[in-house]
């Protein structure tokens, strides 16, 4: 019993100090800056849009160190992230369809790095919504961010 309590204590210490984290969150604002360090004084290295999914790998105060679908890392303020199911396109260009299958009409195309809110899963397909309101279905292997 004592061994179990000690193990749990170590886990919580690591988790709350930022040593063990790896949770998926999504950008909740229209545009967010990703920085080189945990503070506004650090350089902006790229920007992401609403519903962009990231893995939180470390915490420093109110800042999270994140990793994206291309294994790029940076820092974002925690207030800009929420637990919103989302995905990001990981291929150069994909079809977004009217229904969950290749037989359905192509509604529009999306480029690598475009993010979507996840609405529904059906087999190997996901129903998504872009920040501009467009809705459609994408073949699951073409996106990153799903936690099954």
N, C-alpha and C. Protein backbone atom coordinates (compact mmCIF):
# COMPACT_ATOMS: atom_id res chain seq x y z
N UNK A 1 0.83 -1.19 0.00
CA UNK A 1 0.00 0.00 0.00
C UNK A 1 0.87 1.26 0.00
N UNK A 2 1.91 1.25 0.82
CA UNK A 2 2.81 2.41 0.92
C UNK A 2 3.52 2.67 -0.41
N UNK A 3 3.89 1.58 -1.08
CA UNK A 3 4.56 1.67 -2.38
C UNK A 3 3.63 2.33 -3.40
N UNK A 4 2.37 1.97 -3.36
CA UNK A 4 1.36 2.53 -4.28
C UNK A 4 1.17 4.03 -4.04
N UNK A 5 1.10 4.43 -2.80
CA UNK A 5 0.95 5.85 -2.45
C UNK A 5 2.17 6.63 -2.92
N UNK A 6 3.36 6.09 -2.73
CA UNK A 6 4.58 6.74 -3.17
C UNK A 6 4.60 6.90 -4.68
N UNK A 7 4.21 5.86 -5.41
CA UNK A 7 4.16 5.91 -6.87
C UNK A 7 3.17 6.97 -7.35
N UNK A 8 2.00 7.02 -6.76
CA UNK A 8 1.00 8.03 -7.12
C UNK A 8 1.51 9.44 -6.81
N UNK A 9 2.18 9.60 -5.69
CA UNK A 9 2.74 10.91 -5.32
C UNK A 9 3.75 11.38 -6.34
N UNK A 10 4.63 10.49 -6.78
CA UNK A 10 5.64 10.84 -7.79
C UNK A 10 4.95 11.22 -9.09
N UNK A 11 3.93 10.47 -9.50
CA UNK A 11 3.20 10.77 -10.73
C UNK A 11 2.59 12.18 -10.66
N UNK A 12 1.91 12.50 -9.57
CA UNK A 12 1.28 13.81 -9.45
C UNK A 12 2.30 14.94 -9.41
N UNK A 13 3.43 14.70 -8.75
CA UNK A 13 4.49 15.71 -8.74
C UNK A 13 5.00 15.98 -10.15
N UNK A 14 5.26 14.93 -10.90
CA UNK A 14 5.73 15.09 -12.28
C UNK A 14 4.67 15.75 -13.14
N UNK A 15 3.43 15.33 -12.98
CA UNK A 15 2.33 15.87 -13.81
C UNK A 15 2.17 17.36 -13.56
N UNK A 16 2.10 17.78 -12.32
CA UNK A 16 1.84 19.19 -12.03
C UNK A 16 3.07 20.07 -12.18
N UNK A 17 4.24 19.49 -12.25
CA UNK A 17 5.44 20.29 -12.49
C UNK A 17 5.73 20.41 -13.98
N UNK A 18 4.96 19.72 -14.79
CA UNK A 18 5.15 19.79 -16.24
C UNK A 18 6.02 18.67 -16.79
N UNK A 19 6.44 17.74 -15.97
CA UNK A 19 7.29 16.66 -16.44
C UNK A 19 6.55 15.60 -17.25
N UNK A 20 5.33 15.27 -16.86
CA UNK A 20 4.52 14.31 -17.58
C UNK A 20 3.22 15.02 -17.92
N UNK A 21 2.90 15.12 -19.18
CA UNK A 21 1.71 15.89 -19.54
C UNK A 21 0.99 15.23 -20.71
N UNK A 22 1.42 15.51 -21.92
CA UNK A 22 0.92 14.93 -23.17
C UNK A 22 -0.60 14.79 -23.23
N UNK A 23 -1.29 15.91 -23.16
CA UNK A 23 -2.73 15.89 -23.39
C UNK A 23 -3.00 16.68 -24.66
N UNK A 24 -4.10 16.35 -25.34
CA UNK A 24 -4.44 17.05 -26.57
C UNK A 24 -5.45 18.16 -26.27
N UNK A 25 -5.16 19.34 -26.76
CA UNK A 25 -6.07 20.48 -26.64
C UNK A 25 -6.12 21.15 -28.01
N UNK A 26 -7.02 22.13 -28.14
CA UNK A 26 -7.17 22.84 -29.41
C UNK A 26 -7.22 24.33 -29.19
N UNK A 27 -6.76 25.06 -30.18
CA UNK A 27 -6.81 26.52 -30.13
C UNK A 27 -8.28 26.94 -30.14
N UNK A 28 -8.63 27.86 -29.24
CA UNK A 28 -10.03 28.26 -29.10
C UNK A 28 -10.31 29.67 -29.60
N UNK A 29 -9.29 30.31 -30.18
CA UNK A 29 -9.43 31.68 -30.70
C UNK A 29 -9.13 31.68 -32.20
N UNK A 30 -9.50 32.76 -32.88
CA UNK A 30 -9.30 32.82 -34.33
C UNK A 30 -7.84 32.74 -34.75
N UNK A 31 -6.95 33.36 -33.97
CA UNK A 31 -5.52 33.33 -34.29
C UNK A 31 -4.71 33.33 -33.00
N UNK A 32 -3.75 32.42 -32.90
CA UNK A 32 -2.90 32.32 -31.71
C UNK A 32 -1.44 32.31 -32.11
N UNK A 33 -0.62 32.99 -31.32
CA UNK A 33 0.82 33.02 -31.54
C UNK A 33 1.49 31.86 -30.83
N UNK A 34 2.40 31.20 -31.54
CA UNK A 34 3.25 30.17 -30.95
C UNK A 34 4.64 30.81 -30.80
N UNK A 35 5.19 30.74 -29.59
CA UNK A 35 6.42 31.47 -29.26
C UNK A 35 7.58 30.53 -28.93
N UNK A 36 8.78 31.12 -28.90
CA UNK A 36 9.99 30.33 -28.60
C UNK A 36 10.13 30.01 -27.12
N UNK A 37 9.40 30.70 -26.26
CA UNK A 37 9.48 30.46 -24.83
C UNK A 37 8.19 30.84 -24.13
N UNK A 38 8.12 30.59 -22.82
CA UNK A 38 6.90 30.79 -22.05
C UNK A 38 6.69 32.23 -21.58
N UNK A 39 6.39 33.13 -22.52
CA UNK A 39 6.11 34.52 -22.16
C UNK A 39 5.96 35.39 -23.39
N UNK A 40 5.27 36.52 -23.23
CA UNK A 40 5.03 37.43 -24.36
C UNK A 40 6.31 38.07 -24.87
N UNK A 41 7.35 38.06 -24.07
CA UNK A 41 8.63 38.65 -24.49
C UNK A 41 9.38 37.76 -25.49
N UNK A 42 8.95 36.51 -25.63
CA UNK A 42 9.60 35.60 -26.55
C UNK A 42 9.08 35.80 -27.97
N UNK A 43 9.94 35.50 -28.94
CA UNK A 43 9.63 35.67 -30.36
C UNK A 43 8.48 34.76 -30.81
N UNK A 44 7.61 35.30 -31.68
CA UNK A 44 6.55 34.51 -32.30
C UNK A 44 7.19 33.74 -33.46
N UNK A 45 7.06 32.41 -33.43
CA UNK A 45 7.68 31.60 -34.48
C UNK A 45 6.68 31.12 -35.53
N UNK A 46 5.40 31.04 -35.17
CA UNK A 46 4.35 30.81 -36.15
C UNK A 46 3.00 31.12 -35.51
N UNK A 47 1.96 31.16 -36.34
CA UNK A 47 0.60 31.40 -35.87
C UNK A 47 -0.30 30.26 -36.32
N UNK A 48 -1.31 29.99 -35.53
CA UNK A 48 -2.28 28.94 -35.86
C UNK A 48 -3.69 29.49 -35.68
N UNK A 49 -4.64 28.83 -36.36
CA UNK A 49 -6.02 29.26 -36.30
C UNK A 49 -6.87 28.40 -35.38
N UNK A 50 -8.13 28.77 -35.31
CA UNK A 50 -9.10 28.10 -34.45
C UNK A 50 -9.19 26.61 -34.78
N UNK A 51 -9.32 25.81 -33.75
CA UNK A 51 -9.45 24.35 -33.76
C UNK A 51 -8.14 23.62 -34.07
N UNK A 52 -7.01 24.33 -34.12
CA UNK A 52 -5.74 23.67 -34.40
C UNK A 52 -5.38 22.79 -33.19
N UNK A 53 -5.27 21.45 -33.39
CA UNK A 53 -4.97 20.56 -32.27
C UNK A 53 -3.47 20.51 -31.97
N UNK A 54 -3.15 20.43 -30.68
CA UNK A 54 -1.76 20.33 -30.24
C UNK A 54 -1.68 19.38 -29.05
N UNK A 55 -0.50 18.80 -28.88
CA UNK A 55 -0.22 18.00 -27.69
C UNK A 55 0.51 18.90 -26.70
N UNK A 56 -0.02 19.01 -25.50
CA UNK A 56 0.64 19.77 -24.45
C UNK A 56 1.67 18.85 -23.81
N UNK A 57 2.94 19.28 -23.83
CA UNK A 57 4.00 18.40 -23.33
C UNK A 57 4.70 18.93 -22.08
N UNK A 58 4.44 20.21 -21.75
CA UNK A 58 5.07 20.78 -20.57
C UNK A 58 4.30 22.02 -20.15
N UNK A 59 4.36 22.36 -18.86
CA UNK A 59 3.69 23.54 -18.35
C UNK A 59 4.70 24.40 -17.60
N UNK A 60 4.60 25.72 -17.80
CA UNK A 60 5.42 26.67 -17.06
C UNK A 60 4.54 27.85 -16.70
N UNK A 61 4.04 27.87 -15.48
CA UNK A 61 3.09 28.91 -15.09
C UNK A 61 1.82 28.80 -15.90
N UNK A 62 1.46 29.89 -16.57
CA UNK A 62 0.26 29.92 -17.41
C UNK A 62 0.56 29.58 -18.87
N UNK A 63 1.75 29.09 -19.15
CA UNK A 63 2.17 28.78 -20.52
C UNK A 63 2.34 27.28 -20.70
N UNK A 64 1.98 26.81 -21.90
CA UNK A 64 2.13 25.40 -22.26
C UNK A 64 3.13 25.26 -23.40
N UNK A 65 4.03 24.31 -23.25
CA UNK A 65 4.88 23.91 -24.38
C UNK A 65 4.09 22.87 -25.16
N UNK A 66 3.98 23.08 -26.47
CA UNK A 66 3.13 22.21 -27.29
C UNK A 66 3.92 21.60 -28.44
N UNK A 67 3.37 20.51 -28.98
CA UNK A 67 3.91 19.84 -30.16
C UNK A 67 2.76 19.65 -31.14
N UNK A 68 3.01 19.93 -32.42
CA UNK A 68 1.94 19.78 -33.42
C UNK A 68 2.12 18.54 -34.27
N UNK A 69 1.32 18.42 -35.31
CA UNK A 69 1.29 17.22 -36.16
C UNK A 69 2.58 17.01 -36.94
N UNK A 70 3.40 18.05 -37.07
CA UNK A 70 4.68 17.91 -37.78
C UNK A 70 5.85 17.81 -36.79
N UNK A 71 5.54 17.60 -35.52
CA UNK A 71 6.52 17.52 -34.43
C UNK A 71 7.23 18.84 -34.17
N UNK A 72 6.66 19.96 -34.64
CA UNK A 72 7.20 21.28 -34.31
C UNK A 72 6.76 21.62 -32.89
N UNK A 73 7.64 22.31 -32.15
CA UNK A 73 7.34 22.66 -30.77
C UNK A 73 7.40 24.16 -30.56
N UNK A 74 6.63 24.63 -29.61
CA UNK A 74 6.61 26.04 -29.25
C UNK A 74 5.78 26.22 -27.99
N UNK A 75 5.57 27.48 -27.62
CA UNK A 75 4.85 27.82 -26.39
C UNK A 75 3.61 28.65 -26.71
N UNK A 76 2.53 28.39 -25.97
CA UNK A 76 1.27 29.11 -26.14
C UNK A 76 0.67 29.37 -24.76
N UNK A 77 -0.01 30.50 -24.62
CA UNK A 77 -0.65 30.80 -23.33
C UNK A 77 -1.82 29.85 -23.13
N UNK A 78 -1.97 29.34 -21.93
CA UNK A 78 -3.00 28.33 -21.63
C UNK A 78 -4.42 28.84 -21.88
N UNK A 79 -4.64 30.13 -21.79
CA UNK A 79 -5.99 30.68 -21.99
C UNK A 79 -6.46 30.56 -23.44
N UNK A 80 -5.55 30.25 -24.37
CA UNK A 80 -5.88 30.15 -25.79
C UNK A 80 -6.25 28.73 -26.21
N UNK A 81 -6.19 27.81 -25.26
CA UNK A 81 -6.48 26.40 -25.55
C UNK A 81 -7.68 25.91 -24.76
N UNK A 82 -8.42 24.99 -25.38
CA UNK A 82 -9.54 24.32 -24.71
C UNK A 82 -9.60 22.87 -25.16
N UNK A 83 -10.32 22.07 -24.41
CA UNK A 83 -10.50 20.65 -24.75
C UNK A 83 -11.63 20.55 -25.78
N UNK A 84 -11.31 20.87 -27.04
CA UNK A 84 -12.26 20.81 -28.16
C UNK A 84 -11.77 19.70 -29.09
N UNK A 85 -12.59 18.68 -29.35
CA UNK A 85 -12.16 17.64 -30.29
C UNK A 85 -11.92 18.27 -31.67
N UNK A 86 -10.74 18.06 -32.21
CA UNK A 86 -10.41 18.68 -33.49
C UNK A 86 -9.36 17.86 -34.22
N UNK A 87 -9.20 18.18 -35.52
CA UNK A 87 -8.22 17.51 -36.36
C UNK A 87 -7.57 18.55 -37.27
N UNK A 88 -6.41 18.18 -37.82
CA UNK A 88 -5.71 19.03 -38.77
C UNK A 88 -5.30 18.17 -39.97
N UNK A 89 -5.39 18.74 -41.15
CA UNK A 89 -5.02 18.03 -42.38
C UNK A 89 -3.52 17.80 -42.40
N UNK A 90 -3.10 16.54 -42.63
CA UNK A 90 -1.67 16.22 -42.63
C UNK A 90 -1.12 15.90 -44.02
N UNK A 91 -1.96 15.96 -45.04
CA UNK A 91 -1.52 15.74 -46.42
C UNK A 91 -1.55 17.06 -47.18
N UNK A 92 -0.90 17.12 -48.35
CA UNK A 92 -0.81 18.37 -49.10
C UNK A 92 -2.18 18.96 -49.44
N UNK A 93 -3.10 18.13 -49.92
CA UNK A 93 -4.44 18.60 -50.25
C UNK A 93 -5.39 17.41 -50.20
N UNK A 94 -6.55 17.61 -49.58
CA UNK A 94 -7.51 16.52 -49.44
C UNK A 94 -8.91 16.96 -49.88
N UNK A 95 -9.76 15.97 -50.12
CA UNK A 95 -11.16 16.24 -50.45
C UNK A 95 -12.00 16.22 -49.18
N UNK A 96 -12.92 17.17 -49.09
CA UNK A 96 -13.91 17.17 -48.01
C UNK A 96 -15.24 16.88 -48.70
N UNK A 97 -15.91 15.81 -48.27
CA UNK A 97 -17.07 15.29 -49.00
C UNK A 97 -18.40 15.53 -48.26
N UNK A 98 -19.47 15.33 -49.00
CA UNK A 98 -20.83 15.54 -48.48
C UNK A 98 -21.23 14.44 -47.49
N UNK A 99 -20.67 13.26 -47.63
CA UNK A 99 -20.98 12.14 -46.74
C UNK A 99 -19.76 11.29 -46.49
N UNK A 100 -19.90 10.27 -45.62
CA UNK A 100 -18.77 9.43 -45.22
C UNK A 100 -18.45 8.31 -46.21
N UNK A 101 -17.91 8.69 -47.36
CA UNK A 101 -17.51 7.70 -48.36
C UNK A 101 -17.05 8.37 -49.64
N UNK A 102 -16.23 7.64 -50.41
CA UNK A 102 -15.70 8.19 -51.67
C UNK A 102 -16.78 8.40 -52.72
N UNK A 103 -17.93 7.77 -52.55
CA UNK A 103 -19.01 7.94 -53.51
C UNK A 103 -19.75 9.26 -53.34
N UNK A 104 -19.50 9.96 -52.23
CA UNK A 104 -20.17 11.24 -52.00
C UNK A 104 -19.45 12.38 -52.71
N UNK A 105 -20.22 13.38 -53.09
CA UNK A 105 -19.73 14.56 -53.81
C UNK A 105 -18.65 15.30 -53.00
N UNK A 106 -17.63 15.80 -53.71
CA UNK A 106 -16.60 16.63 -53.08
C UNK A 106 -17.18 18.03 -52.92
N UNK A 107 -17.23 18.51 -51.67
CA UNK A 107 -17.75 19.85 -51.38
C UNK A 107 -16.67 20.92 -51.56
N UNK A 108 -15.48 20.61 -51.06
CA UNK A 108 -14.33 21.52 -51.18
C UNK A 108 -13.06 20.75 -50.87
N UNK A 109 -11.93 21.41 -51.09
CA UNK A 109 -10.63 20.81 -50.80
C UNK A 109 -9.97 21.59 -49.66
N UNK A 110 -9.16 20.90 -48.90
CA UNK A 110 -8.45 21.53 -47.78
C UNK A 110 -6.97 21.20 -47.88
N UNK A 111 -6.15 22.18 -47.56
CA UNK A 111 -4.70 22.02 -47.63
C UNK A 111 -4.10 21.60 -46.29
N UNK A 112 -2.88 21.12 -46.37
CA UNK A 112 -2.12 20.73 -45.18
C UNK A 112 -2.10 21.88 -44.18
N UNK A 113 -2.38 21.54 -42.92
CA UNK A 113 -2.36 22.53 -41.85
C UNK A 113 -3.70 23.16 -41.54
N UNK A 114 -4.73 22.89 -42.36
CA UNK A 114 -6.06 23.43 -42.09
C UNK A 114 -6.70 22.60 -40.98
N UNK A 115 -7.27 23.28 -40.00
CA UNK A 115 -7.85 22.59 -38.85
C UNK A 115 -9.37 22.65 -38.86
N UNK A 116 -9.97 21.65 -38.22
CA UNK A 116 -11.42 21.51 -38.17
C UNK A 116 -11.86 21.03 -36.79
N UNK A 117 -13.02 21.46 -36.37
CA UNK A 117 -13.66 20.91 -35.18
C UNK A 117 -14.25 19.55 -35.55
N UNK A 118 -14.05 18.57 -34.71
CA UNK A 118 -14.57 17.22 -34.95
C UNK A 118 -16.01 17.15 -34.47
N UNK A 119 -16.93 16.78 -35.35
CA UNK A 119 -18.35 16.68 -35.01
C UNK A 119 -18.80 15.25 -34.75
N UNK A 120 -18.26 14.31 -35.56
CA UNK A 120 -18.75 12.93 -35.49
C UNK A 120 -17.74 11.99 -36.14
N UNK A 121 -17.71 10.75 -35.67
CA UNK A 121 -16.89 9.69 -36.29
C UNK A 121 -17.83 8.62 -36.83
N UNK A 122 -17.51 8.12 -38.01
CA UNK A 122 -18.29 7.02 -38.59
C UNK A 122 -17.33 6.13 -39.37
N UNK A 123 -16.95 5.01 -38.74
CA UNK A 123 -15.99 4.12 -39.37
C UNK A 123 -14.67 4.83 -39.62
N UNK A 124 -14.24 4.81 -40.87
CA UNK A 124 -12.96 5.44 -41.23
C UNK A 124 -13.13 6.91 -41.66
N UNK A 125 -14.26 7.50 -41.33
CA UNK A 125 -14.55 8.88 -41.74
C UNK A 125 -14.88 9.74 -40.53
N UNK A 126 -14.58 11.05 -40.65
CA UNK A 126 -14.92 12.00 -39.60
C UNK A 126 -15.70 13.16 -40.20
N UNK A 127 -16.73 13.57 -39.50
CA UNK A 127 -17.50 14.75 -39.90
C UNK A 127 -16.88 15.94 -39.18
N UNK A 128 -16.58 16.98 -39.94
CA UNK A 128 -15.84 18.12 -39.38
C UNK A 128 -16.51 19.43 -39.76
N UNK A 129 -16.13 20.47 -38.98
CA UNK A 129 -16.61 21.82 -39.27
C UNK A 129 -15.43 22.78 -39.19
N UNK A 130 -15.26 23.57 -40.24
CA UNK A 130 -14.21 24.59 -40.26
C UNK A 130 -14.67 25.80 -39.46
N UNK A 131 -13.74 26.63 -39.03
CA UNK A 131 -14.08 27.84 -38.27
C UNK A 131 -15.01 28.77 -39.05
N UNK A 132 -14.98 28.70 -40.39
CA UNK A 132 -15.87 29.56 -41.20
C UNK A 132 -17.27 28.97 -41.35
N UNK A 133 -17.50 27.78 -40.76
CA UNK A 133 -18.83 27.17 -40.79
C UNK A 133 -19.00 26.03 -41.78
N UNK A 134 -18.09 25.88 -42.73
CA UNK A 134 -18.19 24.79 -43.72
C UNK A 134 -18.12 23.43 -43.01
N UNK A 135 -19.01 22.52 -43.42
CA UNK A 135 -19.09 21.19 -42.81
C UNK A 135 -18.92 20.13 -43.90
N UNK A 136 -18.25 19.04 -43.57
CA UNK A 136 -18.10 17.93 -44.51
C UNK A 136 -17.44 16.74 -43.85
N UNK A 137 -17.14 15.73 -44.65
CA UNK A 137 -16.55 14.48 -44.17
C UNK A 137 -15.16 14.29 -44.77
N UNK A 138 -14.24 13.79 -43.91
CA UNK A 138 -12.85 13.54 -44.32
C UNK A 138 -12.48 12.11 -43.93
N UNK A 139 -11.71 11.47 -44.81
CA UNK A 139 -11.17 10.14 -44.54
C UNK A 139 -10.15 10.24 -43.40
N UNK A 140 -10.35 9.47 -42.34
CA UNK A 140 -9.57 9.58 -41.09
C UNK A 140 -8.04 9.56 -41.25
N UNK A 141 -7.48 8.69 -42.10
CA UNK A 141 -6.01 8.66 -42.21
C UNK A 141 -5.39 9.96 -42.77
N UNK A 142 -6.21 10.87 -43.25
CA UNK A 142 -5.70 12.12 -43.83
C UNK A 142 -5.56 13.24 -42.81
N UNK A 143 -5.97 12.98 -41.56
CA UNK A 143 -5.92 14.02 -40.53
C UNK A 143 -5.19 13.53 -39.28
N UNK A 144 -4.78 14.49 -38.44
CA UNK A 144 -4.09 14.22 -37.17
C UNK A 144 -4.85 14.89 -36.05
N UNK A 145 -4.83 14.26 -34.89
CA UNK A 145 -5.43 14.87 -33.72
C UNK A 145 -6.47 14.01 -33.03
N UNK A 146 -6.85 12.91 -33.65
CA UNK A 146 -7.87 12.04 -33.07
C UNK A 146 -7.29 11.24 -31.91
N UNK A 147 -8.06 11.17 -30.85
CA UNK A 147 -7.70 10.29 -29.73
C UNK A 147 -8.77 9.24 -29.62
N UNK A 148 -8.42 8.03 -29.88
CA UNK A 148 -9.41 6.94 -29.82
C UNK A 148 -9.36 6.22 -28.49
